[in-house]
């Protein structure tokens, strides 16, 4: 690893500022691509235990981390509706969190059927 860092530093020193910026952009792109590939290859949810006094917002974060393979855009509309019921209508957080868990589970099952 140290030799890779050293070599990258040597290369970067020989480049112009614009080229260095391009190199950095490319490295960041590769990092994003690598993380994306890891996420897509995950077939099972990450086990993250539910805290006792979890808030609805924290539950959304936990469930997003539990199911990194899911496209959150597809879930957002339904999840926003549940969160709104909690905030605007006073539904209990535990009930909403239970429904959010079911929502994510249902999307996960659909995701697995397609793949």
PDB file of N, CA and C in Angstrom:
ATOM      1  N   UNK A   1       0.819  -1.190   0.000  1.00  0.00           N
ATOM      2  CA  UNK A   1       0.000   0.000   0.000  1.00  0.00           C
ATOM      3  C   UNK A   1       0.863   1.255   0.000  1.00  0.00           C
ATOM      4  N   UNK A   2       1.914   1.256   0.805  1.00  0.00           N
ATOM      5  CA  UNK A   2       2.780   2.430   0.877  1.00  0.00           C
ATOM      6  C   UNK A   2       3.425   2.700  -0.474  1.00  0.00           C
ATOM      7  N   UNK A   3       3.836   1.651  -1.170  1.00  0.00           N
ATOM      8  CA  UNK A   3       4.468   1.855  -2.475  1.00  0.00           C
ATOM      9  C   UNK A   3       3.470   2.408  -3.497  1.00  0.00           C
ATOM     10  N   UNK A   4       2.222   2.005  -3.398  1.00  0.00           N
ATOM     11  CA  UNK A   4       1.182   2.539  -4.283  1.00  0.00           C
ATOM     12  C   UNK A   4       0.968   4.016  -3.994  1.00  0.00           C
ATOM     13  N   UNK A   5       0.879   4.367  -2.722  1.00  0.00           N
ATOM     14  CA  UNK A   5       0.716   5.776  -2.349  1.00  0.00           C
ATOM     15  C   UNK A   5       1.890   6.601  -2.842  1.00  0.00           C
ATOM     16  N   UNK A   6       3.109   6.065  -2.630  1.00  0.00           N
ATOM     17  CA  UNK A   6       4.309   6.782  -3.068  1.00  0.00           C
ATOM     18  C   UNK A   6       4.311   6.970  -4.582  1.00  0.00           C
ATOM     19  N   UNK A   7       3.969   5.933  -5.298  1.00  0.00           N
ATOM     20  CA  UNK A   7       3.961   6.021  -6.763  1.00  0.00           C
ATOM     21  C   UNK A   7       2.913   7.024  -7.239  1.00  0.00           C
ATOM     22  N   UNK A   8       1.734   6.997  -6.649  1.00  0.00           N
ATOM     23  CA  UNK A   8       0.700   7.974  -7.010  1.00  0.00           C
ATOM     24  C   UNK A   8       1.161   9.398  -6.710  1.00  0.00           C
ATOM     25  N   UNK A   9       1.827   9.581  -5.576  1.00  0.00           N
ATOM     26  CA  UNK A   9       2.342  10.909  -5.224  1.00  0.00           C
ATOM     27  C   UNK A   9       3.395  11.362  -6.221  1.00  0.00           C
ATOM     28  N   UNK A  10       4.280  10.449  -6.631  1.00  0.00           N
ATOM     29  CA  UNK A  10       5.311  10.781  -7.624  1.00  0.00           C
ATOM     30  C   UNK A  10       4.685  11.196  -8.951  1.00  0.00           C
ATOM     31  N   UNK A  11       3.690  10.449  -9.365  1.00  0.00           N
ATOM     32  CA  UNK A  11       3.007  10.764 -10.624  1.00  0.00           C
ATOM     33  C   UNK A  11       2.312  12.113 -10.516  1.00  0.00           C
ATOM     34  N   UNK A  12       1.603  12.332  -9.426  1.00  0.00           N
ATOM     35  CA  UNK A  12       0.856  13.574  -9.238  1.00  0.00           C
ATOM     36  C   UNK A  12       1.791  14.783  -9.260  1.00  0.00           C
ATOM     37  N   UNK A  13       2.979  14.645  -8.676  1.00  0.00           N
ATOM     38  CA  UNK A  13       3.935  15.755  -8.643  1.00  0.00           C
ATOM     39  C   UNK A  13       4.395  16.166 -10.039  1.00  0.00           C
ATOM     40  N   UNK A  14       4.368  15.250 -10.960  1.00  0.00           N
ATOM     41  CA  UNK A  14       4.839  15.522 -12.317  1.00  0.00           C
ATOM     42  C   UNK A  14       3.747  16.108 -13.214  1.00  0.00           C
ATOM     43  N   UNK A  15       2.548  16.195 -12.709  1.00  0.00           N
ATOM     44  CA  UNK A  15       1.419  16.681 -13.491  1.00  0.00           C
ATOM     45  C   UNK A  15       1.143  18.149 -13.191  1.00  0.00           C
ATOM     46  N   UNK A  16       0.475  18.795 -14.152  1.00  0.00           N
ATOM     47  CA  UNK A  16       0.029  20.170 -13.928  1.00  0.00           C
ATOM     48  C   UNK A  16      -1.127  20.156 -12.919  1.00  0.00           C
ATOM     49  N   UNK A  17      -1.507  21.327 -12.449  1.00  0.00           N
ATOM     50  CA  UNK A  17      -2.621  21.407 -11.497  1.00  0.00           C
ATOM     51  C   UNK A  17      -3.908  20.851 -12.097  1.00  0.00           C
ATOM     52  N   UNK A  18      -4.182  21.184 -13.342  1.00  0.00           N
ATOM     53  CA  UNK A  18      -5.393  20.669 -14.004  1.00  0.00           C
ATOM     54  C   UNK A  18      -5.338  19.151 -14.132  1.00  0.00           C
ATOM     55  N   UNK A  19      -4.164  18.640 -14.462  1.00  0.00           N
ATOM     56  CA  UNK A  19      -4.020  17.182 -14.580  1.00  0.00           C
ATOM     57  C   UNK A  19      -4.148  16.507 -13.214  1.00  0.00           C
ATOM     58  N   UNK A  20      -3.622  17.158 -12.181  1.00  0.00           N
ATOM     59  CA  UNK A  20      -3.768  16.617 -10.823  1.00  0.00           C
ATOM     60  C   UNK A  20      -5.238  16.569 -10.431  1.00  0.00           C
ATOM     61  N   UNK A  21      -5.972  17.627 -10.771  1.00  0.00           N
ATOM     62  CA  UNK A  21      -7.404  17.654 -10.462  1.00  0.00           C
ATOM     63  C   UNK A  21      -8.126  16.538 -11.209  1.00  0.00           C
ATOM     64  N   UNK A  22      -7.736  16.308 -12.466  1.00  0.00           N
ATOM     65  CA  UNK A  22      -8.351  15.234 -13.253  1.00  0.00           C
ATOM     66  C   UNK A  22      -8.025  13.866 -12.649  1.00  0.00           C
ATOM     67  N   UNK A  23      -6.771  13.709 -12.197  1.00  0.00           N
ATOM     68  CA  UNK A  23      -6.380  12.453 -11.554  1.00  0.00           C
ATOM     69  C   UNK A  23      -7.190  12.214 -10.292  1.00  0.00           C
ATOM     70  N   UNK A  24      -7.371  13.252  -9.501  1.00  0.00           N
ATOM     71  CA  UNK A  24      -8.159  13.140  -8.274  1.00  0.00           C
ATOM     72  C   UNK A  24      -9.613  12.806  -8.596  1.00  0.00           C
ATOM     73  N   UNK A  25     -10.175  13.461  -9.593  1.00  0.00           N
ATOM     74  CA  UNK A  25     -11.559  13.162  -9.995  1.00  0.00           C
ATOM     75  C   UNK A  25     -11.688  11.708 -10.428  1.00  0.00           C
ATOM     76  N   UNK A  26     -10.702  11.232 -11.189  1.00  0.00           N
ATOM     77  CA  UNK A  26     -10.748   9.841 -11.636  1.00  0.00           C
ATOM     78  C   UNK A  26     -10.652   8.883 -10.440  1.00  0.00           C
ATOM     79  N   UNK A  27      -9.762   9.181  -9.494  1.00  0.00           N
ATOM     80  CA  UNK A  27      -9.621   8.324  -8.309  1.00  0.00           C
ATOM     81  C   UNK A  27     -10.918   8.289  -7.513  1.00  0.00           C
ATOM     82  N   UNK A  28     -11.558   9.453  -7.359  1.00  0.00           N
ATOM     83  CA  UNK A  28     -12.828   9.497  -6.634  1.00  0.00           C
ATOM     84  C   UNK A  28     -13.911   8.733  -7.388  1.00  0.00           C
ATOM     85  N   UNK A  29     -13.900   8.828  -8.718  1.00  0.00           N
ATOM     86  CA  UNK A  29     -14.841   8.055  -9.530  1.00  0.00           C
ATOM     87  C   UNK A  29     -14.628   6.560  -9.307  1.00  0.00           C
ATOM     88  N   UNK A  30     -13.388   6.131  -9.320  1.00  0.00           N
ATOM     89  CA  UNK A  30     -13.093   4.708  -9.126  1.00  0.00           C
ATOM     90  C   UNK A  30     -13.532   4.244  -7.744  1.00  0.00           C
ATOM     91  N   UNK A  31     -13.346   5.075  -6.743  1.00  0.00           N
ATOM     92  CA  UNK A  31     -13.789   4.724  -5.400  1.00  0.00           C
ATOM     93  C   UNK A  31     -15.298   4.556  -5.359  1.00  0.00           C
ATOM     94  N   UNK A  32     -16.003   5.487  -5.972  1.00  0.00           N
ATOM     95  CA  UNK A  32     -17.463   5.405  -6.030  1.00  0.00           C
ATOM     96  C   UNK A  32     -17.889   4.137  -6.750  1.00  0.00           C
ATOM     97  N   UNK A  33     -17.260   3.856  -7.836  1.00  0.00           N
ATOM     98  CA  UNK A  33     -17.579   2.666  -8.633  1.00  0.00           C
ATOM     99  C   UNK A  33     -17.318   1.401  -7.825  1.00  0.00           C
ATOM    100  N   UNK A  34     -16.249   1.377  -7.109  1.00  0.00           N
ATOM    101  CA  UNK A  34     -15.905   0.210  -6.309  1.00  0.00           C
ATOM    102  C   UNK A  34     -16.937  -0.020  -5.215  1.00  0.00           C
ATOM    103  N   UNK A  35     -17.312   1.020  -4.492  1.00  0.00           N
ATOM    104  CA  UNK A  35     -18.328   0.884  -3.451  1.00  0.00           C
ATOM    105  C   UNK A  35     -19.657   0.458  -4.059  1.00  0.00           C
ATOM    106  N   UNK A  36     -19.971   1.007  -5.208  1.00  0.00           N
ATOM    107  CA  UNK A  36     -21.218   0.649  -5.886  1.00  0.00           C
ATOM    108  C   UNK A  36     -21.208  -0.837  -6.250  1.00  0.00           C
ATOM    109  N   UNK A  37     -20.083  -1.314  -6.750  1.00  0.00           N
ATOM    110  CA  UNK A  37     -19.982  -2.724  -7.111  1.00  0.00           C
ATOM    111  C   UNK A  37     -20.167  -3.611  -5.886  1.00  0.00           C
ATOM    112  N   UNK A  38     -19.588  -3.208  -4.755  1.00  0.00           N
ATOM    113  CA  UNK A  38     -19.747  -3.983  -3.528  1.00  0.00           C
ATOM    114  C   UNK A  38     -21.211  -4.025  -3.108  1.00  0.00           C
ATOM    115  N   UNK A  39     -21.880  -2.892  -3.194  1.00  0.00           N
ATOM    116  CA  UNK A  39     -23.282  -2.806  -2.801  1.00  0.00           C
ATOM    117  C   UNK A  39     -24.144  -3.688  -3.692  1.00  0.00           C
ATOM    118  N   UNK A  40     -23.915  -3.628  -4.996  1.00  0.00           N
ATOM    119  CA  UNK A  40     -24.725  -4.418  -5.916  1.00  0.00           C
ATOM    120  C   UNK A  40     -24.518  -5.915  -5.731  1.00  0.00           C
ATOM    121  N   UNK A  41     -23.319  -6.302  -5.313  1.00  0.00           N
ATOM    122  CA  UNK A  41     -23.047  -7.727  -5.162  1.00  0.00           C
ATOM    123  C   UNK A  41     -23.612  -8.294  -3.864  1.00  0.00           C
ATOM    124  N   UNK A  42     -24.024  -7.437  -2.955  1.00  0.00           N
ATOM    125  CA  UNK A  42     -24.576  -7.924  -1.693  1.00  0.00           C
ATOM    126  C   UNK A  42     -25.939  -8.549  -1.953  1.00  0.00           C
ATOM    127  N   UNK A  43     -26.106  -9.746  -1.463  1.00  0.00           N
ATOM    128  CA  UNK A  43     -27.384 -10.413  -1.687  1.00  0.00           C
ATOM    129  C   UNK A  43     -28.195 -10.566  -0.406  1.00  0.00           C
ATOM    130  N   UNK A  44     -27.559 -10.360   0.722  1.00  0.00           N
ATOM    131  CA  UNK A  44     -28.250 -10.496   1.999  1.00  0.00           C
ATOM    132  C   UNK A  44     -28.204  -9.185   2.764  1.00  0.00           C
ATOM    133  N   UNK A  45     -29.238  -8.895   3.522  1.00  0.00           N
ATOM    134  CA  UNK A  45     -29.237  -7.680   4.345  1.00  0.00           C
ATOM    135  C   UNK A  45     -28.127  -7.716   5.387  1.00  0.00           C
ATOM    136  N   UNK A  46     -27.648  -6.545   5.749  1.00  0.00           N
ATOM    137  CA  UNK A  46     -26.651  -6.411   6.805  1.00  0.00           C
ATOM    138  C   UNK A  46     -27.411  -6.444   8.128  1.00  0.00           C
ATOM    139  N   UNK A  47     -26.955  -7.266   9.056  1.00  0.00           N
ATOM    140  CA  UNK A  47     -27.655  -7.361  10.337  1.00  0.00           C
ATOM    141  C   UNK A  47     -27.286  -6.183  11.229  1.00  0.00           C
ATOM    142  N   UNK A  48     -28.265  -5.326  11.460  1.00  0.00           N
ATOM    143  CA  UNK A  48     -28.099  -4.183  12.355  1.00  0.00           C
ATOM    144  C   UNK A  48     -29.273  -4.235  13.328  1.00  0.00           C
ATOM    145  N   UNK A  49     -28.958  -4.389  14.597  1.00  0.00           N
ATOM    146  CA  UNK A  49     -30.039  -4.525  15.582  1.00  0.00           C
ATOM    147  C   UNK A  49     -30.782  -3.210  15.757  1.00  0.00           C
ATOM    148  N   UNK A  50     -32.045  -3.336  16.088  1.00  0.00           N
ATOM    149  CA  UNK A  50     -32.914  -2.181  16.302  1.00  0.00           C
ATOM    150  C   UNK A  50     -32.767  -1.692  17.739  1.00  0.00           C
ATOM    151  N   UNK A  51     -32.328  -0.451  17.920  1.00  0.00           N
ATOM    152  CA  UNK A  51     -32.227   0.094  19.281  1.00  0.00           C
ATOM    153  C   UNK A  51     -33.601   0.222  19.926  1.00  0.00           C
ATOM    154  N   UNK A  52     -33.620   0.182  21.236  1.00  0.00           N
ATOM    155  CA  UNK A  52     -34.885   0.234  21.972  1.00  0.00           C
ATOM    156  C   UNK A  52     -35.650   1.538  21.745  1.00  0.00           C
ATOM    157  N   UNK A  53     -34.980   2.652  21.877  1.00  0.00           N
ATOM    158  CA  UNK A  53     -35.636   3.961  21.757  1.00  0.00           C
ATOM    159  C   UNK A  53     -35.318   4.627  20.427  1.00  0.00           C
ATOM    160  N   UNK A  54     -35.451   3.884  19.361  1.00  0.00           N
ATOM    161  CA  UNK A  54     -35.102   4.383  18.025  1.00  0.00           C
ATOM    162  C   UNK A  54     -36.141   5.384  17.531  1.00  0.00           C
ATOM    163  N   UNK A  55     -35.663   6.443  16.897  1.00  0.00           N
ATOM    164  CA  UNK A  55     -36.570   7.401  16.267  1.00  0.00           C
ATOM    165  C   UNK A  55     -36.885   6.918  14.857  1.00  0.00           C
ATOM    166  N   UNK A  56     -37.909   7.489  14.263  1.00  0.00           N
ATOM    167  CA  UNK A  56     -38.296   7.106  12.902  1.00  0.00           C
ATOM    168  C   UNK A  56     -37.187   7.459  11.919  1.00  0.00           C
ATOM    169  N   UNK A  57     -36.576   8.621  12.083  1.00  0.00           N
ATOM    170  CA  UNK A  57     -35.484   9.031  11.187  1.00  0.00           C
ATOM    171  C   UNK A  57     -34.294   8.084  11.333  1.00  0.00           C
ATOM    172  N   UNK A  58     -33.950   7.734  12.553  1.00  0.00           N
ATOM    173  CA  UNK A  58     -32.851   6.788  12.780  1.00  0.00           C
ATOM    174  C   UNK A  58     -33.182   5.423  12.188  1.00  0.00           C
ATOM    175  N   UNK A  59     -34.437   5.031  12.255  1.00  0.00           N
ATOM    176  CA  UNK A  59     -34.856   3.753  11.664  1.00  0.00           C
ATOM    177  C   UNK A  59     -34.664   3.770  10.156  1.00  0.00           C
ATOM    178  N   UNK A  60     -34.985   4.894   9.529  1.00  0.00           N
ATOM    179  CA  UNK A  60     -34.781   5.004   8.081  1.00  0.00           C
ATOM    180  C   UNK A  60     -33.303   4.837   7.731  1.00  0.00           C
ATOM    181  N   UNK A  61     -32.446   5.460   8.516  1.00  0.00           N
ATOM    182  CA  UNK A  61     -30.996   5.310   8.279  1.00  0.00           C
ATOM    183  C   UNK A  61     -30.574   3.860   8.473  1.00  0.00           C
ATOM    184  N   UNK A  62     -31.040   3.260   9.558  1.00  0.00           N
ATOM    185  CA  UNK A  62     -30.672   1.872   9.850  1.00  0.00           C
ATOM    186  C   UNK A  62     -31.152   0.940   8.748  1.00  0.00           C
ATOM    187  N   UNK A  63     -32.382   1.130   8.302  1.00  0.00           N
ATOM    188  CA  UNK A  63     -32.932   0.261   7.262  1.00  0.00           C
ATOM    189  C   UNK A  63     -32.231   0.484   5.921  1.00  0.00           C
ATOM    190  N   UNK A  64     -31.863   1.712   5.627  1.00  0.00           N
ATOM    191  CA  UNK A  64     -31.091   1.983   4.406  1.00  0.00           C
ATOM    192  C   UNK A  64     -29.745   1.278   4.463  1.00  0.00           C
ATOM    193  N   UNK A  65     -29.114   1.276   5.637  1.00  0.00           N
ATOM    194  CA  UNK A  65     -27.836   0.579   5.805  1.00  0.00           C
ATOM    195  C   UNK A  65     -28.022  -0.936   5.816  1.00  0.00           C
ATOM    196  N   UNK A  66     -29.162  -1.391   6.308  1.00  0.00           N
ATOM    197  CA  UNK A  66     -29.446  -2.829   6.353  1.00  0.00           C
ATOM    198  C   UNK A  66     -29.657  -3.397   4.960  1.00  0.00           C
ATOM    199  N   UNK A  67     -30.261  -2.596   4.082  1.00  0.00           N
ATOM    200  CA  UNK A  67     -30.576  -3.033   2.722  1.00  0.00           C
ATOM    201  C   UNK A  67     -29.868  -2.148   1.695  1.00  0.00           C
ATOM    202  N   UNK A  68     -28.525  -2.193   1.648  1.00  0.00           N
ATOM    203  CA  UNK A  68     -27.804  -1.307   0.730  1.00  0.00           C
ATOM    204  C   UNK A  68     -28.027  -1.643  -0.745  1.00  0.00           C
ATOM    205  N   UNK A  69     -28.518  -2.840  -1.018  1.00  0.00           N
ATOM    206  CA  UNK A  69     -28.712  -3.265  -2.399  1.00  0.00           C
ATOM    207  C   UNK A  69     -29.989  -2.691  -3.023  1.00  0.00           C
ATOM    208  N   UNK A  70     -30.838  -2.086  -2.219  1.00  0.00           N
ATOM    209  CA  UNK A  70     -32.112  -1.574  -2.724  1.00  0.00           C
ATOM    210  C   UNK A  70     -31.977  -0.157  -3.267  1.00  0.00           C
ATOM    211  N   UNK A  71     -32.752   0.131  -4.289  1.00  0.00           N
ATOM    212  CA  UNK A  71     -32.842   1.477  -4.836  1.00  0.00           C
ATOM    213  C   UNK A  71     -33.774   2.269  -3.925  1.00  0.00           C
ATOM    214  N   UNK A  72     -33.213   3.175  -3.163  1.00  0.00           N
ATOM    215  CA  UNK A  72     -34.002   3.908  -2.165  1.00  0.00           C
ATOM    216  C   UNK A  72     -35.028   4.832  -2.807  1.00  0.00           C
ATOM    217  N   UNK A  73     -34.808   5.232  -4.056  1.00  0.00           N
ATOM    218  CA  UNK A  73     -35.783   6.087  -4.743  1.00  0.00           C
ATOM    219  C   UNK A  73     -37.137   5.395  -4.857  1.00  0.00           C
ATOM    220  N   UNK A  74     -37.121   4.084  -5.030  1.00  0.00           N
ATOM    221  CA  UNK A  74     -38.366   3.331  -5.165  1.00  0.00           C
ATOM    222  C   UNK A  74     -39.120   3.228  -3.840  1.00  0.00           C
ATOM    223  N   UNK A  75     -38.410   3.333  -2.744  1.00  0.00           N
ATOM    224  CA  UNK A  75     -38.993   3.182  -1.419  1.00  0.00           C
ATOM    225  C   UNK A  75     -39.407   4.530  -0.838  1.00  0.00           C
ATOM    226  N   UNK A  76     -38.756   5.576  -1.280  1.00  0.00           N
ATOM    227  CA  UNK A  76     -38.895   6.893  -0.658  1.00  0.00           C
ATOM    228  C   UNK A  76     -40.338   7.381  -0.550  1.00  0.00           C
ATOM    229  N   UNK A  77     -41.128   7.235  -1.584  1.00  0.00           N
ATOM    230  CA  UNK A  77     -42.504   7.748  -1.562  1.00  0.00           C
ATOM    231  C   UNK A  77     -43.319   7.100  -0.444  1.00  0.00           C
ATOM    232  N   UNK A  78     -43.270   5.784  -0.384  1.00  0.00           N
ATOM    233  CA  UNK A  78     -44.025   5.074   0.655  1.00  0.00           C
ATOM    234  C   UNK A  78     -43.486   5.395   2.054  1.00  0.00           C
ATOM    235  N   UNK A  79     -42.160   5.440   2.168  1.00  0.00           N
ATOM    236  CA  UNK A  79     -41.543   5.722   3.463  1.00  0.00           C
ATOM    237  C   UNK A  79     -41.885   7.141   3.921  1.00  0.00           C
ATOM    238  N   UNK A  80     -41.891   8.081   2.996  1.00  0.00           N
ATOM    239  CA  UNK A  80     -42.227   9.462   3.341  1.00  0.00           C
ATOM    240  C   UNK A  80     -43.659   9.548   3.859  1.00  0.00           C
ATOM    241  N   UNK A  81     -44.549   8.775   3.276  1.00  0.00           N
ATOM    242  CA  UNK A  81     -45.928   8.751   3.744  1.00  0.00           C
ATOM    243  C   UNK A  81     -46.028   8.254   5.176  1.00  0.00           C
ATOM    244  N   UNK A  82     -45.282   7.207   5.488  1.00  0.00           N
ATOM    245  CA  UNK A  82     -45.287   6.677   6.856  1.00  0.00           C
ATOM    246  C   UNK A  82     -44.671   7.674   7.835  1.00  0.00           C
ATOM    247  N   UNK A  83     -43.583   8.301   7.424  1.00  0.00           N
ATOM    248  CA  UNK A  83     -42.938   9.278   8.289  1.00  0.00           C
ATOM    249  C   UNK A  83     -43.861  10.477   8.527  1.00  0.00           C
ATOM    250  N   UNK A  84     -44.583  10.858   7.496  1.00  0.00           N
ATOM    251  CA  UNK A  84     -45.530  11.969   7.609  1.00  0.00           C
ATOM    252  C   UNK A  84     -46.651  11.625   8.594  1.00  0.00           C
ATOM    253  N   UNK A  85     -47.129  10.389   8.551  1.00  0.00           N
ATOM    254  CA  UNK A  85     -48.164   9.968   9.494  1.00  0.00           C
ATOM    255  C   UNK A  85     -47.667  10.085  10.935  1.00  0.00           C
ATOM    256  N   UNK A  86     -46.398   9.793  11.126  1.00  0.00           N
ATOM    257  CA  UNK A  86     -45.821   9.902  12.468  1.00  0.00           C
ATOM    258  C   UNK A  86     -45.751  11.363  12.903  1.00  0.00           C
ATOM    259  N   UNK A  87     -45.226  12.211  12.027  1.00  0.00           N
ATOM    260  CA  UNK A  87     -45.014  13.614  12.381  1.00  0.00           C
ATOM    261  C   UNK A  87     -46.327  14.393  12.412  1.00  0.00           C
ATOM    262  N   UNK A  88     -47.145  14.236  11.372  1.00  0.00           N
ATOM    263  CA  UNK A  88     -48.338  15.068  11.227  1.00  0.00           C
ATOM    264  C   UNK A  88     -49.559  14.517  11.974  1.00  0.00           C
ATOM    265  N   UNK A  89     -49.666  13.192  12.042  1.00  0.00           N
ATOM    266  CA  UNK A  89     -50.855  12.602  12.642  1.00  0.00           C
ATOM    267  C   UNK A  89     -50.587  11.981  14.013  1.00  0.00           C
ATOM    268  N   UNK A  90     -49.314  12.002  14.418  1.00  0.00           N
ATOM    269  CA  UNK A  90     -48.987  11.512  15.748  1.00  0.00           C
ATOM    270  C   UNK A  90     -48.978  10.006  15.907  1.00  0.00           C
ATOM    271  N   UNK A  91     -48.856   9.276  14.805  1.00  0.00           N
ATOM    272  CA  UNK A  91     -48.748   7.812  14.953  1.00  0.00           C
ATOM    273  C   UNK A  91     -47.505   7.477  15.748  1.00  0.00           C
ATOM    274  N   UNK A  92     -47.600   6.467  16.576  1.00  0.00           N
ATOM    275  CA  UNK A  92     -46.484   6.069  17.429  1.00  0.00           C
ATOM    276  C   UNK A  92     -45.282   5.643  16.599  1.00  0.00           C
ATOM    277  N   UNK A  93     -44.106   6.045  17.062  1.00  0.00           N
ATOM    278  CA  UNK A  93     -42.861   5.742  16.348  1.00  0.00           C
ATOM    279  C   UNK A  93     -42.681   4.237  16.169  1.00  0.00           C
ATOM    280  N   UNK A  94     -42.949   3.455  17.210  1.00  0.00           N
ATOM    281  CA  UNK A  94     -42.749   1.998  17.111  1.00  0.00           C
ATOM    282  C   UNK A  94     -43.614   1.366  16.027  1.00  0.00           C
ATOM    283  N   UNK A  95     -44.834   1.840  15.904  1.00  0.00           N
ATOM    284  CA  UNK A  95     -45.742   1.305  14.884  1.00  0.00           C
ATOM    285  C   UNK A  95     -45.236   1.674  13.492  1.00  0.00           C
ATOM    286  N   UNK A  96     -44.818   2.915  13.322  1.00  0.00           N
ATOM    287  CA  UNK A  96     -44.303   3.375  12.029  1.00  0.00           C
ATOM    288  C   UNK A  96     -43.021   2.635  11.676  1.00  0.00           C
ATOM    289  N   UNK A  97     -42.147   2.446  12.650  1.00  0.00           N
ATOM    290  CA  UNK A  97     -40.894   1.721  12.405  1.00  0.00           C
ATOM    291  C   UNK A  97     -41.180   0.278  12.005  1.00  0.00           C
ATOM    292  N   UNK A  98     -42.132  -0.358  12.659  1.00  0.00           N
ATOM    293  CA  UNK A  98     -42.520  -1.725  12.273  1.00  0.00           C
ATOM    294  C   UNK A  98     -42.965  -1.753  10.814  1.00  0.00           C
ATOM    295  N   UNK A  99     -43.750  -0.765  10.397  1.00  0.00           N
ATOM    296  CA  UNK A  99     -44.240  -0.713   9.024  1.00  0.00           C
ATOM    297  C   UNK A  99     -43.104  -0.395   8.047  1.00  0.00           C
ATOM    298  N   UNK A 100     -42.164   0.435   8.466  1.00  0.00           N
ATOM    299  CA  UNK A 100     -41.001   0.718   7.622  1.00  0.00           C
ATOM    300  C   UNK A 100     -40.174  -0.550   7.410  1.00  0.00           C
ATOM    301  N   UNK A 101     -40.020  -1.331   8.472  1.00  0.00           N
ATOM    302  CA  UNK A 101     -39.280  -2.586   8.335  1.00  0.00           C
ATOM    303  C   UNK A 101     -39.968  -3.519   7.353  1.00  0.00           C
ATOM    304  N   UNK A 102     -41.284  -3.597   7.436  1.00  0.00           N
ATOM    305  CA  UNK A 102     -42.034  -4.430   6.491  1.00  0.00           C
ATOM    306  C   UNK A 102     -41.902  -3.906   5.062  1.00  0.00           C
ATOM    307  N   UNK A 103     -41.912  -2.594   4.916  1.00  0.00           N
ATOM    308  CA  UNK A 103     -41.757  -1.976   3.596  1.00  0.00           C
ATOM    309  C   UNK A 103     -40.408  -2.344   2.983  1.00  0.00           C
ATOM    310  N   UNK A 104     -39.344  -2.194   3.747  1.00  0.00           N
ATOM    311  CA  UNK A 104     -38.018  -2.548   3.240  1.00  0.00           C
ATOM    312  C   UNK A 104     -37.926  -4.044   2.947  1.00  0.00           C
ATOM    313  N   UNK A 105     -38.487  -4.865   3.811  1.00  0.00           N
ATOM    314  CA  UNK A 105     -38.464  -6.311   3.602  1.00  0.00           C
ATOM    315  C   UNK A 105     -39.194  -6.673   2.307  1.00  0.00           C
ATOM    316  N   UNK A 106     -40.338  -6.058   2.085  1.00  0.00           N
ATOM    317  CA  UNK A 106     -41.110  -6.327   0.869  1.00  0.00           C
ATOM    318  C   UNK A 106     -40.310  -5.926  -0.380  1.00  0.00           C
ATOM    319  N   UNK A 107     -39.661  -4.787  -0.347  1.00  0.00           N
ATOM    320  CA  UNK A 107     -38.845  -4.352  -1.485  1.00  0.00           C
ATOM    321  C   UNK A 107     -37.640  -5.266  -1.680  1.00  0.00           C
ATOM    322  N   UNK A 108     -37.093  -5.763  -0.581  1.00  0.00           N
ATOM    323  CA  UNK A 108     -35.979  -6.700  -0.681  1.00  0.00           C
ATOM    324  C   UNK A 108     -36.421  -7.995  -1.346  1.00  0.00           C
ATOM    325  N   UNK A 109     -37.576  -8.496  -0.961  1.00  0.00           N
ATOM    326  CA  UNK A 109     -38.093  -9.729  -1.567  1.00  0.00           C
ATOM    327  C   UNK A 109     -38.353  -9.532  -3.063  1.00  0.00           C
ATOM    328  N   UNK A 110     -38.908  -8.386  -3.429  1.00  0.00           N
ATOM    329  CA  UNK A 110     -39.127  -8.078  -4.841  1.00  0.00           C
ATOM    330  C   UNK A 110     -37.804  -7.989  -5.573  1.00  0.00           C
ATOM    331  N   UNK A 111     -36.820  -7.376  -4.968  1.00  0.00           N
ATOM    332  CA  UNK A 111     -35.476  -7.254  -5.548  1.00  0.00           C
ATOM    333  C   UNK A 111     -34.890  -8.652  -5.807  1.00  0.00           C
ATOM    334  N   UNK A 112     -35.042  -9.547  -4.853  1.00  0.00           N
ATOM    335  CA  UNK A 112     -34.497 -10.904  -5.003  1.00  0.00           C
ATOM    336  C   UNK A 112     -35.226 -11.690  -6.089  1.00  0.00           C
ATOM    337  N   UNK A 113     -36.520 -11.467  -6.230  1.00  0.00           N
ATOM    338  CA  UNK A 113     -37.271 -12.165  -7.277  1.00  0.00           C
ATOM    339  C   UNK A 113     -36.803 -11.760  -8.664  1.00  0.00           C
ATOM    340  N   UNK A 114     -36.425 -10.500  -8.814  1.00  0.00           N
ATOM    341  CA  UNK A 114     -35.975  -9.994 -10.110  1.00  0.00           C
ATOM    342  C   UNK A 114     -34.557 -10.446 -10.439  1.00  0.00           C
ATOM    343  N   UNK A 115     -33.760 -10.716  -9.418  1.00  0.00           N
ATOM    344  CA  UNK A 115     -32.345 -11.082  -9.641  1.00  0.00           C
ATOM    345  C   UNK A 115     -32.110 -12.545  -9.533  1.00  0.00           C
TER     346      UNK A 115
END
